[in-house]
Amino acid sequence: MPSAPKWVFDIFDRVLSSKSSSMVVTKVEFLSDTIKKIQFRGNFKKLNFGVGSFIDFRVSDTEARRYTVSYVDATRGILELIAHLHGEAPGSCFMSKLGVDDEVDINPPRAYKYYDPSAEKYVIFGDETSLGLACSFLPVLIKNRHQFQFYLELEEKNKHVAELLQLQNCKVFEKNGLFSNEKWIEELPLVQSSEWQQSNFILTGNAQSVRAFRKVLKARNKGRIVSHGYWLKGKKGL
């Protein structure tokens, strides 16, 4: 429910008020002009977090936006997320204005079924909007000894962010529309390689790129494909 009349959100907030909690911004870090890492403190001990868990923020009277939890330590009461600041869109404006000591109310996190512990290999694809998910996946992939690769399409000014986030086995591509070209995707070594044809592919970010990549993989890959377009050019969103 990204958009709704104010009264709908007001009722929704009242219904969930008993389950809501608050957290305070304790640190902000700009990884680039458009990538903002935000750390919060709060009481998260009774909340359940899994790989790719997300929180819905009410960013205005009539808008809500969803952000993936990139890191959480419930014992220490620390939670982090990574926001892509994209123009004057509602979510971007909300996240841009958040500063140290600001307090926000949140509803319990929810999980999207990205992770399957039985899979041997993972390929995580996305863009700037997928960085939080990538960070959520990384420690679990390492701990459980999966083989994995990150494929990210990033704007030139953001190409260094993957290194700052210490994403291992990460290949960064310039965001220039190549991942909407099915013939180009088909020629990727990863797609051609028989070694990775039993992989679990997690495709997020630009919906157009996700559709094209998924279409190519369905014809070749024998593993599970999870696709979740986060945004589409020309459609109101972030």
Protein backbone atom coordinates (compact mmCIF):
# COMPACT_ATOMS: atom_id res chain seq x y z
CA MET A 1 0.00 0.00 0.00
CA PRO A 2 2.43 2.74 -1.15
CA SER A 3 -0.33 5.36 -1.45
CA ALA A 4 -3.69 5.74 0.27
CA PRO A 5 -5.97 8.45 1.69
CA LYS A 6 -4.81 9.88 5.01
CA TRP A 7 -7.72 8.34 6.92
CA VAL A 8 -6.74 4.85 5.73
CA PHE A 9 -3.19 5.25 7.05
CA ASP A 10 -4.53 6.75 10.30
CA ILE A 11 -6.74 3.70 10.89
CA PHE A 12 -3.90 1.35 9.95
CA ASP A 13 -1.58 3.06 12.44
CA ARG A 14 -4.16 2.84 15.23
CA VAL A 15 -4.77 -0.87 14.61
CA LEU A 16 -1.03 -1.62 14.76
CA SER A 17 -0.21 0.82 17.55
CA SER A 18 0.13 -1.97 20.13
CA LYS A 19 2.73 -3.68 17.97
CA SER A 20 4.62 -0.57 16.99
CA SER A 21 7.91 0.57 18.48
CA SER A 22 10.13 3.59 18.11
CA MET A 23 13.77 3.98 17.19
CA VAL A 24 16.17 6.90 17.18
CA VAL A 25 18.68 7.84 14.52
CA THR A 26 22.18 7.56 16.01
CA LYS A 27 24.38 7.87 12.93
CA VAL A 28 24.15 8.84 9.28
CA GLU A 29 26.79 8.26 6.63
CA PHE A 30 26.70 9.33 2.99
CA LEU A 31 28.39 6.64 0.90
CA SER A 32 27.82 8.88 -2.13
CA ASP A 33 25.64 11.87 -2.97
CA THR A 34 22.65 9.55 -3.38
CA ILE A 35 23.39 6.63 -1.05
CA LYS A 36 22.72 7.21 2.66
CA LYS A 37 23.42 4.67 5.39
CA ILE A 38 21.31 5.25 8.49
CA GLN A 39 21.82 3.65 11.89
CA PHE A 40 19.06 3.48 14.49
CA ARG A 41 18.86 2.39 18.13
CA GLY A 42 15.82 0.86 19.74
CA ASN A 43 14.43 -2.19 21.48
CA PHE A 44 14.35 -4.94 18.85
CA LYS A 45 14.64 -8.00 21.10
CA LYS A 46 11.03 -9.08 20.57
CA LEU A 47 11.12 -8.55 16.80
CA ASN A 48 11.97 -11.27 14.30
CA PHE A 49 14.44 -10.49 11.54
CA GLY A 50 15.45 -12.72 8.67
CA VAL A 51 17.38 -12.22 5.44
CA GLY A 52 15.67 -9.45 3.52
CA SER A 53 13.32 -8.36 6.30
CA PHE A 54 11.76 -5.00 5.57
CA ILE A 55 10.10 -2.15 7.40
CA ASP A 56 7.33 0.06 6.06
CA PHE A 57 7.75 3.75 6.86
CA ARG A 58 4.90 6.21 6.65
CA VAL A 59 6.78 8.95 4.82
CA SER A 60 3.86 11.40 4.54
CA ASP A 61 0.16 11.60 5.39
CA THR A 62 -0.73 9.63 2.26
CA GLU A 63 2.45 7.69 1.33
CA ALA A 64 4.36 4.71 2.72
CA ARG A 65 7.65 3.28 1.50
CA ARG A 66 9.41 0.00 2.18
CA TYR A 67 13.10 -0.37 3.13
CA THR A 68 15.13 -3.53 3.65
CA VAL A 69 16.99 -3.89 6.94
CA SER A 70 20.65 -4.11 5.93
CA TYR A 71 21.95 -5.01 9.39
CA VAL A 72 20.52 -5.69 12.82
CA ASP A 73 21.95 -6.59 16.23
CA ALA A 74 18.92 -7.02 18.46
CA THR A 75 21.05 -7.61 21.56
CA ARG A 76 22.78 -4.25 21.22
CA GLY A 77 19.65 -2.55 19.89
CA ILE A 78 21.20 -1.51 16.56
CA LEU A 79 19.48 -1.49 13.18
CA GLU A 80 20.73 -0.12 9.87
CA LEU A 81 19.31 0.50 6.44
CA ILE A 82 20.61 1.94 3.19
CA ALA A 83 18.50 4.52 1.37
CA HIS A 84 18.76 5.52 -2.26
CA LEU A 85 18.01 9.25 -2.45
CA HIS A 86 16.23 9.69 -5.74
CA GLY A 87 15.08 13.21 -6.52
CA GLU A 88 12.02 14.65 -4.83
CA ALA A 89 10.11 11.40 -4.46
CA PRO A 90 8.32 10.90 -1.09
CA GLY A 91 10.60 8.18 0.28
CA SER A 92 13.73 10.00 -0.79
CA CYS A 93 12.62 13.24 0.83
CA PHE A 94 11.78 11.44 4.07
CA MET A 95 15.12 9.63 4.23
CA SER A 96 17.08 12.72 3.16
CA LYS A 97 15.73 14.70 6.10
CA LEU A 98 16.41 12.07 8.77
CA GLY A 99 19.23 13.18 11.05
CA VAL A 100 20.83 12.18 14.34
CA ASP A 101 18.38 12.18 17.29
CA ASP A 102 15.32 12.03 15.03
CA GLU A 103 12.77 9.50 16.27
CA VAL A 104 10.58 7.36 14.02
CA ASP A 105 7.82 4.88 14.76
CA ILE A 106 7.96 1.53 13.03
CA ASN A 107 5.70 -1.47 12.66
CA PRO A 108 7.15 -4.98 13.13
CA PRO A 109 9.46 -6.04 10.29
CA ARG A 110 8.20 -8.51 7.74
CA ALA A 111 10.15 -11.04 5.72
CA TYR A 112 10.20 -11.74 2.01
CA LYS A 113 11.11 -15.34 1.21
CA TYR A 114 14.42 -14.71 -0.52
CA TYR A 115 16.61 -17.15 1.35
CA ASP A 116 16.65 -20.94 1.12
CA PRO A 117 19.36 -22.49 3.35
CA SER A 118 19.38 -25.68 1.26
CA ALA A 119 20.62 -23.89 -1.88
CA GLU A 120 24.32 -24.34 -2.60
CA LYS A 121 24.82 -21.30 -4.82
CA TYR A 122 23.38 -17.80 -4.92
CA VAL A 123 23.49 -14.96 -7.41
CA ILE A 124 22.15 -11.65 -6.10
CA PHE A 125 21.32 -9.05 -8.76
CA GLY A 126 20.15 -5.48 -8.28
CA ASP A 127 20.99 -1.77 -8.26
CA GLU A 128 21.22 1.03 -5.70
CA THR A 129 17.84 0.08 -4.26
CA SER A 130 19.13 -3.46 -3.65
CA LEU A 131 22.18 -2.59 -1.54
CA GLY A 132 20.37 -3.16 1.73
CA LEU A 133 19.30 -6.61 0.59
CA ALA A 134 22.86 -7.43 -0.50
CA CYS A 135 24.18 -6.45 2.93
CA SER A 136 21.48 -8.52 4.60
CA PHE A 137 22.47 -11.58 2.56
CA LEU A 138 26.27 -11.32 2.87
CA PRO A 139 26.88 -12.57 6.45
CA VAL A 140 24.44 -15.45 6.03
CA LEU A 141 26.03 -16.55 2.75
CA ILE A 142 29.45 -16.53 4.37
CA LYS A 143 28.37 -18.20 7.62
CA ASN A 144 26.52 -21.01 5.83
CA ARG A 145 29.28 -21.45 3.25
CA HIS A 146 27.25 -20.86 0.14
CA GLN A 147 28.99 -20.09 -3.13
CA PHE A 148 27.77 -16.66 -4.21
CA GLN A 149 28.16 -13.73 -6.54
CA PHE A 150 26.73 -10.22 -6.44
CA TYR A 151 25.88 -8.55 -9.76
CA LEU A 152 25.07 -4.86 -9.39
CA GLU A 153 24.20 -2.23 -11.98
CA LEU A 154 25.17 1.12 -10.46
CA GLU A 155 25.47 4.68 -11.65
CA GLU A 156 29.02 5.85 -12.25
CA LYS A 157 29.00 7.99 -9.09
CA ASN A 158 27.99 4.95 -7.02
CA LYS A 159 30.29 2.28 -8.42
CA HIS A 160 32.60 2.50 -5.38
CA VAL A 161 29.79 1.86 -2.89
CA ALA A 162 29.96 -1.93 -3.17
CA GLU A 163 33.58 -1.78 -1.99
CA LEU A 164 32.68 0.54 0.89
CA LEU A 165 30.06 -1.98 1.98
CA GLN A 166 32.65 -4.76 1.72
CA LEU A 167 30.50 -6.84 -0.60
CA GLN A 168 32.57 -9.87 -1.55
CA ASN A 169 32.49 -11.62 -4.94
CA CYS A 170 30.86 -8.53 -6.40
CA LYS A 171 30.86 -7.47 -10.04
CA VAL A 172 29.70 -3.91 -10.74
CA PHE A 173 28.25 -2.89 -14.11
CA GLU A 174 27.55 0.62 -15.29
CA LYS A 175 23.87 1.42 -15.19
CA ASN A 176 23.30 2.11 -18.88
CA GLY A 177 20.40 -0.11 -19.86
CA LEU A 178 22.41 -3.22 -20.75
CA PHE A 179 20.42 -5.37 -18.34
CA SER A 180 17.28 -4.70 -20.35
CA ASN A 181 19.01 -6.25 -23.40
CA GLU A 182 18.27 -9.97 -23.39
CA LYS A 183 20.88 -10.82 -26.02
CA TRP A 184 23.57 -9.08 -23.96
CA ILE A 185 22.48 -10.88 -20.80
CA GLU A 186 22.63 -14.23 -22.61
CA GLU A 187 26.34 -13.66 -23.29
CA LEU A 188 27.30 -13.05 -19.68
CA PRO A 189 29.86 -15.63 -18.51
CA LEU A 190 27.70 -16.28 -15.47
CA VAL A 191 24.75 -17.20 -17.67
CA GLN A 192 26.83 -19.26 -20.06
CA SER A 193 28.61 -21.18 -17.31
CA SER A 194 27.25 -24.64 -16.53
CA GLU A 195 28.71 -24.24 -13.03
CA TRP A 196 26.04 -21.70 -12.08
CA GLN A 197 22.99 -23.21 -13.79
CA GLN A 198 21.76 -24.76 -10.55
CA SER A 199 21.94 -21.47 -8.67
CA ASN A 200 19.31 -19.57 -6.77
CA PHE A 201 18.97 -16.19 -8.46
CA ILE A 202 17.60 -13.24 -6.48
CA LEU A 203 16.66 -10.45 -8.91
CA THR A 204 15.66 -7.04 -7.54
CA GLY A 205 15.92 -3.35 -8.41
CA ASN A 206 14.85 -1.98 -11.78
CA ALA A 207 11.74 -3.91 -12.84
CA GLN A 208 12.71 -3.72 -16.50
CA SER A 209 16.13 -5.26 -15.80
CA VAL A 210 14.56 -7.87 -13.53
CA ARG A 211 12.09 -8.96 -16.24
CA ALA A 212 14.77 -9.27 -18.90
CA PHE A 213 17.19 -11.17 -16.67
CA ARG A 214 14.43 -13.50 -15.48
CA LYS A 215 13.34 -14.28 -19.02
CA VAL A 216 16.87 -15.27 -20.02
CA LEU A 217 17.40 -17.36 -16.89
CA LYS A 218 14.12 -19.26 -17.24
CA ALA A 219 15.39 -20.69 -20.51
CA ARG A 220 18.73 -21.83 -19.03
CA ASN A 221 18.80 -21.94 -15.25
CA LYS A 222 17.59 -25.00 -13.36
CA GLY A 223 17.66 -23.37 -9.95
CA ARG A 224 15.11 -21.17 -8.18
CA ILE A 225 14.52 -17.64 -9.46
CA VAL A 226 13.06 -15.03 -7.12
CA SER A 227 12.25 -11.73 -8.80
CA HIS A 228 11.05 -8.54 -7.14
CA GLY A 229 11.14 -5.30 -9.10
CA TYR A 230 11.51 -2.42 -6.67
CA TRP A 231 10.88 0.38 -9.14
CA LEU A 232 9.95 1.12 -12.75
CA LYS A 233 10.81 4.24 -14.71
CA GLY A 234 7.79 6.50 -15.10
CA LYS A 235 5.89 4.89 -12.24
CA LYS A 236 5.50 6.70 -8.95
CA GLY A 237 7.59 4.97 -6.31
CA LEU A 238 10.78 5.82 -4.47
